[in-house]
C-alpha atoms as a PDB file:
ATOM      1  CA  MET A   1     106.446 117.919  72.072  1.00  0.00           C
ATOM      2  CA  ALA A   2     104.649 115.835  74.253  1.00  0.00           C
ATOM      3  CA  ARG A   3     104.939 111.825  74.131  1.00  0.00           C
ATOM      4  CA  PHE A   4     102.382 109.807  71.729  1.00  0.00           C
ATOM      5  CA  GLY A   5     101.852 106.618  70.838  1.00  0.00           C
ATOM      6  CA  ASP A   6      99.422 103.767  70.844  1.00  0.00           C
ATOM      7  CA  LYS A   7      98.147 104.781  74.185  1.00  0.00           C
ATOM      8  CA  SER A   8      98.050 108.075  73.739  1.00  0.00           C
ATOM      9  CA  GLN A   9      95.997 107.477  70.562  1.00  0.00           C
ATOM     10  CA  SER A  10      93.199 105.980  72.645  1.00  0.00           C
ATOM     11  CA  PHE A  11      93.177 108.749  75.282  1.00  0.00           C
ATOM     12  CA  VAL A  12      93.138 111.439  72.636  1.00  0.00           C
ATOM     13  CA  ALA A  13      90.721 110.119  71.220  1.00  0.00           C
ATOM     14  CA  LYS A  14      88.432 108.930  74.107  1.00  0.00           C
ATOM     15  CA  ALA A  15      88.676 112.525  75.364  1.00  0.00           C
ATOM     16  CA  ALA A  16      87.723 114.260  71.604  1.00  0.00           C
ATOM     17  CA  ASP A  17      84.371 111.776  71.932  1.00  0.00           C
ATOM     18  CA  LEU A  18      83.717 113.209  75.544  1.00  0.00           C
ATOM     19  CA  ALA A  19      84.923 117.003  74.545  1.00  0.00           C
ATOM     20  CA  ALA A  20      82.045 116.445  71.196  1.00  0.00           C
ATOM     21  CA  GLN A  21      79.271 114.632  73.871  1.00  0.00           C
ATOM     22  CA  HIS A  22      79.663 117.287  76.424  1.00  0.00           C
ATOM     23  CA  PRO A  23      80.635 120.794  75.360  1.00  0.00           C
ATOM     24  CA  GLU A  24      79.132 122.176  78.134  1.00  0.00           C
ATOM     25  CA  ILE A  25      82.199 121.235  80.410  1.00  0.00           C
ATOM     26  CA  LEU A  26      84.611 123.265  78.317  1.00  0.00           C
ATOM     27  CA  PRO A  27      85.722 126.914  78.817  1.00  0.00           C
ATOM     28  CA  PRO A  28      84.778 128.854  75.424  1.00  0.00           C
ATOM     29  CA  SER A  29      88.232 129.732  75.049  1.00  0.00           C
ATOM     30  CA  PHE A  30      89.000 125.457  74.072  1.00  0.00           C
ATOM     31  CA  ASP A  31      89.192 124.947  70.474  1.00  0.00           C
ATOM     32  CA  ARG A  32      87.278 121.754  70.582  1.00  0.00           C
ATOM     33  CA  GLN A  33      86.292 121.952  66.918  1.00  0.00           C
ATOM     34  CA  GLY A  34      90.453 121.755  66.422  1.00  0.00           C
ATOM     35  CA  LEU A  35      90.839 118.883  68.810  1.00  0.00           C
ATOM     36  CA  LEU A  36      87.837 117.076  67.023  1.00  0.00           C
ATOM     37  CA  ASP A  37      89.773 117.981  63.741  1.00  0.00           C
ATOM     38  CA  GLU A  38      93.264 117.263  64.592  1.00  0.00           C
ATOM     39  CA  MET A  39      91.497 113.726  66.011  1.00  0.00           C
ATOM     40  CA  ALA A  40      89.955 112.699  62.600  1.00  0.00           C
ATOM     41  CA  LEU A  41      92.888 113.913  60.479  1.00  0.00           C
ATOM     42  CA  LEU A  42      95.139 111.815  63.110  1.00  0.00           C
ATOM     43  CA  GLU A  43      92.814 108.498  62.108  1.00  0.00           C
ATOM     44  CA  ALA A  44      92.492 109.262  58.914  1.00  0.00           C
ATOM     45  CA  LEU A  45      96.952 109.226  58.599  1.00  0.00           C
ATOM     46  CA  THR A  46      97.166 106.444  61.090  1.00  0.00           C
ATOM     47  CA  PRO A  47      96.479 103.452  58.242  1.00  0.00           C
ATOM     48  CA  LEU A  48      98.271 105.417  56.006  1.00  0.00           C
ATOM     49  CA  ARG A  49     101.429 104.921  58.006  1.00  0.00           C
ATOM     50  CA  HIS A  50     100.798 101.573  58.602  1.00  0.00           C
ATOM     51  CA  ALA A  51     100.825 100.692  55.034  1.00  0.00           C
ATOM     52  CA  LEU A  52     103.950 102.818  54.527  1.00  0.00           C
ATOM     53  CA  GLN A  53     105.474 100.971  57.069  1.00  0.00           C
ATOM     54  CA  VAL A  54     104.670  97.634  55.618  1.00  0.00           C
ATOM     55  CA  LEU A  55     106.055  98.736  52.207  1.00  0.00           C
ATOM     56  CA  LEU A  56     109.068 100.058  53.757  1.00  0.00           C
ATOM     57  CA  GLY A  57     109.934  96.936  55.366  1.00  0.00           C
ATOM     58  CA  ARG A  58     109.341  94.923  51.760  1.00  0.00           C
ATOM     59  CA  VAL A  59     112.003  97.496  50.451  1.00  0.00           C
ATOM     60  CA  ASP A  60     114.076  97.082  53.520  1.00  0.00           C
ATOM     61  CA  ASP A  61     114.004  93.029  52.557  1.00  0.00           C
ATOM     62  CA  THR A  62     114.151  93.114  49.021  1.00  0.00           C
ATOM     63  CA  LEU A  63     117.408  95.813  49.196  1.00  0.00           C
ATOM     64  CA  TYR A  64     118.846  93.239  51.481  1.00  0.00           C
ATOM     65  CA  ALA A  65     118.269  90.244  49.426  1.00  0.00           C
ATOM     66  CA  LEU A  66     119.812  92.048  46.242  1.00  0.00           C
ATOM     67  CA  GLY A  67     122.513  93.482  48.497  1.00  0.00           C
ATOM     68  CA  SER A  68     123.513  89.389  49.574  1.00  0.00           C
ATOM     69  CA  ASP A  69     122.620  88.256  46.049  1.00  0.00           C
ATOM     70  CA  SER A  70     125.302  90.815  44.561  1.00  0.00           C
ATOM     71  CA  TYR A  71     128.225  90.863  47.103  1.00  0.00           C
ATOM     72  CA  SER A  72     127.715  86.161  46.194  1.00  0.00           C
ATOM     73  CA  GLY A  73     128.322  87.477  43.144  1.00  0.00           C
ATOM     74  CA  ALA A  74     130.869  89.514  43.461  1.00  0.00           C
ATOM     75  CA  LEU A  75     133.083  87.140  45.572  1.00  0.00           C
ATOM     76  CA  HIS A  76     132.813  84.595  42.774  1.00  0.00           C
ATOM     77  CA  VAL A  77     134.158  87.467  40.719  1.00  0.00           C
ATOM     78  CA  TYR A  78     137.308  88.482  43.177  1.00  0.00           C
ATOM     79  CA  SER A  79     137.779  84.432  43.367  1.00  0.00           C
ATOM     80  CA  TYR A  80     137.824  84.416  39.396  1.00  0.00           C
ATOM     81  CA  ALA A  81     140.175  87.418  39.205  1.00  0.00           C
ATOM     82  CA  LYS A  82     142.432  86.148  41.924  1.00  0.00           C
ATOM     83  CA  THR A  83     142.796  82.924  40.009  1.00  0.00           C
ATOM     84  CA  ALA A  84     143.550  85.033  36.819  1.00  0.00           C
ATOM     85  CA  ASN A  85     146.186  87.152  38.519  1.00  0.00           C
ATOM     86  CA  MET A  86     148.395  85.051  39.445  1.00  0.00           C
ATOM     87  CA  VAL A  87     148.633  83.699  35.898  1.00  0.00           C
ATOM     88  CA  THR A  88     148.967  86.618  34.088  1.00  0.00           C
ATOM     89  CA  GLY A  89     149.462  89.381  36.917  1.00  0.00           C
ATOM     90  CA  ALA A  90     147.524  91.651  35.015  1.00  0.00           C
ATOM     91  CA  LEU A  91     145.198  92.511  37.327  1.00  0.00           C
ATOM     92  CA  GLU A  92     147.168  93.466  40.128  1.00  0.00           C
ATOM     93  CA  ASP A  93     145.884  97.048  40.641  1.00  0.00           C
ATOM     94  CA  ALA A  94     142.183  95.413  40.484  1.00  0.00           C
ATOM     95  CA  MET A  95     142.949  92.843  43.064  1.00  0.00           C
ATOM     96  CA  ASP A  96     144.797  95.379  45.458  1.00  0.00           C
ATOM     97  CA  ASP A  97     141.773  97.777  45.239  1.00  0.00           C
ATOM     98  CA  LEU A  98     139.218  94.451  45.591  1.00  0.00           C
ATOM     99  CA  GLY A  99     141.118  93.330  48.168  1.00  0.00           C
ATOM    100  CA  LYS A 100     140.337  96.408  50.096  1.00  0.00           C
ATOM    101  CA  ARG A 101     137.593  94.858  51.355  1.00  0.00           C
ATOM    102  CA  PHE A 102     139.145  91.869  53.221  1.00  0.00           C
ATOM    103  CA  LEU A 103     141.531  94.181  55.331  1.00  0.00           C
ATOM    104  CA  ARG A 104     141.638  94.073  59.163  1.00  0.00           C
ATOM    105  CA  ARG A 105     142.132  96.835  61.119  1.00  0.00           C
ATOM    106  CA  SER A 106     145.023  96.065  63.274  1.00  0.00           C
ATOM    107  CA  SER A 107     144.234  96.262  67.287  1.00  0.00           C
ATOM    108  CA  ALA A 108     147.858  96.248  68.242  1.00  0.00           C
ATOM    109  CA  ARG A 109     148.059  99.245  70.490  1.00  0.00           C
ATOM    110  CA  PRO A 110     151.405 100.643  71.900  1.00  0.00           C
ATOM    111  CA  SER A 111     152.464  98.609  74.600  1.00  0.00           C
ATOM    112  CA  THR A 112     152.877 101.035  77.593  1.00  0.00           C
ATOM    113  CA  GLN A 113     154.738  98.331  79.619  1.00  0.00           C
ATOM    114  CA  SER A 114     158.525  98.844  79.899  1.00  0.00           C
ATOM    115  CA  PRO A 115     161.133  96.792  78.032  1.00  0.00           C
ATOM    116  CA  GLN A 116     162.443  94.319  80.590  1.00  0.00           C
ATOM    117  CA  ALA A 117     166.175  94.122  80.959  1.00  0.00           C
END
């Protein structure tokens, strides 16, 4: 498929206008009406695409804010649970499970140096 962007859309629109104004320059085998129909559909879909991009951006922003708020709340629960677990010890399994979120991956690699005598 040919690459298509804003500059290409302008090019297609100008070429479609030229084809509509001067059909005599095109060979009989060229599907002039097909080009004009495609351009009309392209012009109809472009604002819809833009509206969907705006909507998706708003959904992304909402998800980000919700995620941030819920993570903050979860951190509070984790903090309270740690305190309660220190007193009762009854939440050990839950604390182990929640604590997995904060485990760091070990970056230690086996040493390739030979031991010194």
